[in-house]
């Protein structure tokens, strides 16, 4: 009996072996797919969600996710699946964006142990608040930031060496302040373990819907969005913010701030000169940020071409 394989057969065997090795090599990636990133909700009790706020907290950043979690309906459960509450360093009234006043329900000293933490854009956190986030995140399913709440989360060191995103107008400042974080431009949200960061403002709604999906599945999340009359699809595609991946181009006719990418009026805007070119800013704070390291911003934007 002739057991020698023909050249064609040898090629087929080699191909099958290579394919098998490829599949084995891909198993870790397959295990990390969205299908396996589901979260197990408690059998009976609602999921505790802490909204960490302080002065200047941006309303849509935390009220958007609040509305999402509030409106979730799971037919098999008799009570609301999420228990929502506000947490702050003290119970002193907090003045949020637009002047809304909120009295926190709990302080960081007496708040229930959260399984989800929502961190909106807000004032710079105190060391005590930073420590509360670090300690609480050891047992959370998700600790999520919205908009420039990423700065608060990054201050804990939990994002060090990990991917994250933030508001598109804060990319430059974030990259400069936290160079050890892998800033992902053009992402609607980024998930890394039990940490998640959303882009600006309305992105928090999408990340909240994504969290709902991880707990209760796509159908429940879609029904929640439907009941909200929310037609955004960004929660189904974390890379759907590509429009913000590239810095807008500043021109003499349409100058923009090289730090936050917002429109500026050269007649009244603060300005700096770097290598013979004049740059205009939305605020004195942005000017200070630019002046500290102008070379980090000039490559992302084109000068307006104006002279001093």
Protein backbone atom coordinates (compact mmCIF):
# COMPACT_ATOMS: atom_id res chain seq x y z
CA UNK A 1 0.00 0.00 0.00
CA UNK A 2 1.43 3.35 -1.03
CA UNK A 3 1.27 5.78 1.93
CA UNK A 4 3.20 8.61 0.29
CA UNK A 5 1.15 11.82 0.03
CA UNK A 6 0.99 13.73 -3.21
CA UNK A 7 2.26 17.34 -3.29
CA UNK A 8 -1.34 18.58 -3.50
CA UNK A 9 -2.31 16.52 -0.45
CA UNK A 10 0.66 17.85 1.47
CA UNK A 11 -0.47 21.38 0.70
CA UNK A 12 -3.96 20.58 1.98
CA UNK A 13 -2.62 19.08 5.20
CA UNK A 14 -0.34 22.08 5.71
CA UNK A 15 -3.23 24.48 5.17
CA UNK A 16 -5.43 22.64 7.70
CA UNK A 17 -2.63 22.64 10.27
CA UNK A 18 -2.01 26.37 9.78
CA UNK A 19 -5.73 27.06 10.08
CA UNK A 20 -5.91 25.08 13.33
CA UNK A 21 -2.98 27.04 14.78
CA UNK A 22 -4.61 30.32 13.74
CA UNK A 23 -7.89 29.40 15.47
CA UNK A 24 -6.06 28.38 18.66
CA UNK A 25 -4.16 31.65 18.57
CA UNK A 26 -7.42 33.59 18.29
CA UNK A 27 -9.15 31.93 21.25
CA UNK A 28 -8.12 34.62 23.77
CA UNK A 29 -9.54 37.34 21.49
CA UNK A 30 -12.73 35.36 20.97
CA UNK A 31 -13.10 34.99 24.73
CA UNK A 32 -12.91 38.76 25.08
CA UNK A 33 -15.62 39.44 22.50
CA UNK A 34 -18.72 41.51 23.41
CA UNK A 35 -20.75 38.30 23.56
CA UNK A 36 -18.80 37.18 26.64
CA UNK A 37 -18.64 40.56 28.40
CA UNK A 38 -22.06 40.22 29.96
CA UNK A 39 -22.61 41.08 33.62
CA UNK A 40 -24.68 39.01 36.01
CA UNK A 41 -27.37 41.04 37.83
CA UNK A 42 -28.44 40.01 41.34
CA UNK A 43 -31.29 37.53 41.53
CA UNK A 44 -33.61 39.81 43.51
CA UNK A 45 -32.11 43.07 44.73
CA UNK A 46 -31.70 46.07 42.40
CA UNK A 47 -28.25 47.02 41.14
CA UNK A 48 -26.93 49.98 43.19
CA UNK A 49 -25.74 52.84 40.96
CA UNK A 50 -23.86 55.74 42.58
CA UNK A 51 -23.74 59.08 40.77
CA UNK A 52 -20.68 60.88 42.11
CA UNK A 53 -21.21 64.63 41.82
CA UNK A 54 -19.62 67.89 42.95
CA UNK A 55 -19.94 71.56 42.05
CA UNK A 56 -20.07 72.24 38.31
CA UNK A 57 -21.20 68.69 37.50
CA UNK A 58 -22.55 68.77 33.94
CA UNK A 59 -26.26 67.95 34.02
CA UNK A 60 -26.55 65.78 30.88
CA UNK A 61 -23.46 63.79 31.91
CA UNK A 62 -25.24 62.30 34.90
CA UNK A 63 -28.92 62.94 34.17
CA UNK A 64 -28.68 61.21 30.78
CA UNK A 65 -27.42 57.93 32.30
CA UNK A 66 -29.81 58.41 35.26
CA UNK A 67 -32.76 58.48 32.87
CA UNK A 68 -31.50 55.40 31.05
CA UNK A 69 -31.12 53.31 34.20
CA UNK A 70 -34.38 54.65 35.60
CA UNK A 71 -36.36 53.60 32.52
CA UNK A 72 -35.09 50.03 32.26
CA UNK A 73 -37.89 47.50 32.48
CA UNK A 74 -37.19 43.80 32.85
CA UNK A 75 -40.48 41.88 32.50
CA UNK A 76 -39.28 39.05 34.75
CA UNK A 77 -38.57 41.44 37.64
CA UNK A 78 -41.27 43.01 39.79
CA UNK A 79 -39.17 45.94 40.99
CA UNK A 80 -36.92 48.41 39.20
CA UNK A 81 -33.66 46.69 38.23
CA UNK A 82 -31.45 49.65 39.26
CA UNK A 83 -31.30 51.61 42.54
CA UNK A 84 -30.02 55.12 41.80
CA UNK A 85 -28.55 57.58 44.28
CA UNK A 86 -26.29 60.64 44.39
CA UNK A 87 -23.03 60.69 46.34
CA UNK A 88 -20.79 63.65 47.21
CA UNK A 89 -18.08 64.49 49.68
CA UNK A 90 -20.62 66.26 51.89
CA UNK A 91 -24.37 66.82 51.89
CA UNK A 92 -23.94 70.53 51.20
CA UNK A 93 -26.03 71.71 48.21
CA UNK A 94 -24.22 71.29 44.90
CA UNK A 95 -24.57 73.76 42.06
CA UNK A 96 -24.35 71.97 38.75
CA UNK A 97 -24.03 73.37 35.22
CA UNK A 98 -26.73 75.90 34.43
CA UNK A 99 -27.34 76.60 38.11
CA UNK A 100 -29.32 73.51 39.09
CA UNK A 101 -29.03 72.85 42.81
CA UNK A 102 -28.86 69.31 44.18
CA UNK A 103 -28.65 68.04 47.75
CA UNK A 104 -26.73 64.73 47.64
CA UNK A 105 -28.50 61.71 49.10
CA UNK A 106 -25.31 60.25 50.57
CA UNK A 107 -21.75 61.22 51.37
CA UNK A 108 -18.69 59.15 50.53
CA UNK A 109 -18.67 58.16 54.22
CA UNK A 110 -22.14 56.58 54.33
CA UNK A 111 -23.05 55.70 50.72
CA UNK A 112 -24.21 52.14 49.98
CA UNK A 113 -21.64 49.98 48.24
CA UNK A 114 -22.16 50.56 44.49
CA UNK A 115 -21.97 48.04 41.69
CA UNK A 116 -21.95 50.86 39.11
CA UNK A 117 -20.38 54.30 39.56
CA UNK A 118 -21.12 57.19 37.19
CA UNK A 119 -18.60 60.07 37.20
CA UNK A 120 -19.71 63.12 35.17
CA UNK A 121 -17.63 66.17 34.31
CA UNK A 122 -17.25 68.19 37.51
CA UNK A 123 -14.82 70.06 39.72
CA UNK A 124 -11.39 68.67 40.55
CA UNK A 125 -11.82 65.91 43.17
CA UNK A 126 -10.37 66.02 46.65
CA UNK A 127 -7.98 63.28 47.85
CA UNK A 128 -10.87 61.79 49.88
CA UNK A 129 -13.07 61.50 46.78
CA UNK A 130 -10.22 59.98 44.77
CA UNK A 131 -9.70 57.39 47.50
CA UNK A 132 -13.44 56.59 47.56
CA UNK A 133 -13.42 55.92 43.81
CA UNK A 134 -10.34 53.68 44.10
CA UNK A 135 -11.73 51.73 47.04
CA UNK A 136 -15.25 51.38 45.62
CA UNK A 137 -13.99 50.33 42.19
CA UNK A 138 -12.43 47.21 43.68
CA UNK A 139 -15.91 45.69 43.84
CA UNK A 140 -17.84 47.48 41.07
CA UNK A 141 -19.05 45.81 37.91
CA UNK A 142 -18.57 49.11 36.08
CA UNK A 143 -16.96 52.40 37.06
CA UNK A 144 -17.77 54.77 34.21
CA UNK A 145 -16.86 58.36 33.46
CA UNK A 146 -18.67 60.69 31.11
CA UNK A 147 -17.09 63.61 29.23
CA UNK A 148 -14.26 65.19 31.26
CA UNK A 149 -15.21 62.99 34.17
CA UNK A 150 -12.36 60.97 32.64
CA UNK A 151 -9.98 63.45 34.30
CA UNK A 152 -11.47 62.55 37.68
CA UNK A 153 -11.18 58.83 36.98
CA UNK A 154 -7.64 59.19 35.61
CA UNK A 155 -6.59 61.02 38.76
CA UNK A 156 -7.13 57.79 40.70
CA UNK A 157 -4.45 56.06 38.64
CA UNK A 158 -6.91 53.32 37.69
CA UNK A 159 -6.65 54.22 33.99
CA UNK A 160 -2.86 54.10 33.94
CA UNK A 161 -1.69 51.94 31.02
CA UNK A 162 -5.26 51.47 29.82
CA UNK A 163 -7.26 52.87 26.90
CA UNK A 164 -9.79 55.64 27.55
CA UNK A 165 -11.60 58.51 25.89
CA UNK A 166 -13.05 61.85 26.93
CA UNK A 167 -14.74 64.93 25.47
CA UNK A 168 -13.26 65.77 22.06
CA UNK A 169 -12.49 69.33 23.13
CA UNK A 170 -10.33 68.00 25.97
CA UNK A 171 -8.19 65.54 24.00
CA UNK A 172 -5.12 67.78 24.06
CA UNK A 173 -5.34 68.59 27.76
CA UNK A 174 -6.01 64.97 28.69
CA UNK A 175 -3.11 63.62 26.63
CA UNK A 176 -0.77 66.14 28.17
CA UNK A 177 -1.93 65.59 31.76
CA UNK A 178 -2.18 61.80 31.58
CA UNK A 179 0.40 60.57 29.06
CA UNK A 180 0.30 57.10 30.64
CA UNK A 181 -3.33 56.65 29.53
CA UNK A 182 -3.90 55.45 25.96
CA UNK A 183 -6.23 58.18 24.71
CA UNK A 184 -8.60 56.86 22.05
CA UNK A 185 -9.88 59.64 19.82
CA UNK A 186 -13.03 58.98 17.82
CA UNK A 187 -14.52 56.54 20.35
CA UNK A 188 -18.09 56.85 21.60
CA UNK A 189 -16.96 54.92 24.66
CA UNK A 190 -14.10 52.65 25.71
CA UNK A 191 -14.41 49.62 28.00
CA UNK A 192 -11.42 48.16 29.84
CA UNK A 193 -12.19 45.56 32.47
CA UNK A 194 -14.58 47.11 34.97
CA UNK A 195 -13.65 50.62 33.83
CA UNK A 196 -15.43 52.50 31.05
CA UNK A 197 -15.08 56.02 29.68
CA UNK A 198 -17.56 57.85 27.45
CA UNK A 199 -16.97 60.76 25.11
CA UNK A 200 -18.71 64.05 25.67
CA UNK A 201 -22.17 64.78 27.02
CA UNK A 202 -24.70 62.60 25.15
CA UNK A 203 -22.12 59.80 24.89
CA UNK A 204 -22.99 58.97 28.48
CA UNK A 205 -26.46 57.90 27.35
CA UNK A 206 -24.88 55.41 24.95
CA UNK A 207 -22.51 54.02 27.56
CA UNK A 208 -25.41 53.63 30.01
CA UNK A 209 -27.39 51.72 27.38
CA UNK A 210 -24.33 49.55 26.80
CA UNK A 211 -24.22 48.79 30.55
CA UNK A 212 -27.91 47.86 30.43
CA UNK A 213 -27.14 45.56 27.51
CA UNK A 214 -24.34 43.87 29.43
CA UNK A 215 -26.65 43.17 32.36
CA UNK A 216 -29.93 42.35 30.61
CA UNK A 217 -29.19 41.81 26.92
CA UNK A 218 -29.68 43.63 23.63
CA UNK A 219 -33.49 43.33 23.59
CA UNK A 220 -33.91 45.09 26.96
CA UNK A 221 -31.46 47.83 25.97
CA UNK A 222 -33.25 48.38 22.64
CA UNK A 223 -36.60 48.55 24.39
CA UNK A 224 -35.18 51.08 26.86
CA UNK A 225 -33.91 53.26 24.00
CA UNK A 226 -37.28 52.93 22.27
CA UNK A 227 -39.19 54.03 25.37
CA UNK A 228 -36.82 56.98 25.74
CA UNK A 229 -37.49 57.88 22.09
CA UNK A 230 -33.71 57.83 21.76
CA UNK A 231 -32.72 57.02 18.20
CA UNK A 232 -28.96 57.15 18.63
CA UNK A 233 -27.15 53.94 17.69
CA UNK A 234 -23.78 54.80 19.19
CA UNK A 235 -24.25 52.38 22.09
CA UNK A 236 -24.05 49.52 19.58
CA UNK A 237 -20.74 50.72 18.12
CA UNK A 238 -18.06 52.10 20.46
CA UNK A 239 -16.07 53.44 17.49
CA UNK A 240 -18.92 55.57 16.15
CA UNK A 241 -17.40 58.94 17.10
CA UNK A 242 -14.96 59.08 14.18
CA UNK A 243 -16.09 62.59 13.27
CA UNK A 244 -14.20 63.74 16.38
CA UNK A 245 -11.05 61.74 15.70
CA UNK A 246 -9.47 64.56 13.69
CA UNK A 247 -8.86 68.08 14.96
CA UNK A 248 -10.75 70.74 12.96
CA UNK A 249 -8.52 72.99 10.85
CA UNK A 250 -8.08 76.57 11.99
CA UNK A 251 -7.98 79.24 9.26
CA UNK A 252 -7.75 83.01 9.17
CA UNK A 253 -11.46 83.21 8.29
CA UNK A 254 -12.50 80.58 10.81
CA UNK A 255 -10.04 80.46 13.73
CA UNK A 256 -10.45 77.83 16.43
CA UNK A 257 -8.88 77.34 19.82
CA UNK A 258 -5.96 74.89 19.46
CA UNK A 259 -6.69 73.47 22.92
CA UNK A 260 -10.45 72.80 22.86
CA UNK A 261 -11.19 73.18 19.09
CA UNK A 262 -14.06 75.63 19.66
CA UNK A 263 -14.66 78.77 17.61
CA UNK A 264 -13.00 81.96 18.83
CA UNK A 265 -13.30 85.66 18.06
CA UNK A 266 -9.79 87.07 17.46
CA UNK A 267 -11.02 90.54 18.44
CA UNK A 268 -11.58 89.55 22.05
CA UNK A 269 -9.89 86.16 22.50
CA UNK A 270 -6.70 85.70 24.56
CA UNK A 271 -3.74 84.98 22.29
CA UNK A 272 -0.20 83.67 22.25
CA UNK A 273 2.56 83.76 19.67
CA UNK A 274 4.58 80.62 19.02
CA UNK A 275 7.25 80.39 16.32
CA UNK A 276 5.93 83.52 14.65
CA UNK A 277 2.31 82.34 14.48
CA UNK A 278 -0.56 83.69 16.55
CA UNK A 279 -3.00 81.37 18.31
CA UNK A 280 -6.32 82.41 19.86
CA UNK A 281 -8.07 80.77 22.79
CA UNK A 282 -11.51 80.34 24.29
CA UNK A 283 -10.30 81.23 27.76
CA UNK A 284 -7.30 82.22 29.81
CA UNK A 285 -7.16 78.66 31.14
CA UNK A 286 -6.77 77.28 27.61
CA UNK A 287 -4.07 79.86 26.92
CA UNK A 288 -2.17 78.75 30.04
CA UNK A 289 -2.49 75.12 28.97
CA UNK A 290 -1.13 75.96 25.52
CA UNK A 291 1.70 78.14 26.85
CA UNK A 292 2.89 75.30 29.09
CA UNK A 293 3.60 73.04 26.10
CA UNK A 294 2.71 74.69 22.76
CA UNK A 295 4.51 72.04 20.71
CA UNK A 296 1.93 69.48 21.86
CA UNK A 297 -0.87 71.47 20.23
CA UNK A 298 0.54 73.02 17.07
CA UNK A 299 0.81 69.67 15.29
CA UNK A 300 -2.94 69.12 15.78
CA UNK A 301 -4.13 72.41 14.39
CA UNK A 302 -3.21 74.82 11.60
CA UNK A 303 -2.36 78.35 12.62
CA UNK A 304 -4.82 81.10 11.77
CA UNK A 305 -2.01 82.85 9.92
CA UNK A 306 -2.63 86.16 11.70
CA UNK A 307 0.19 88.26 12.97
CA UNK A 308 0.48 89.82 16.38
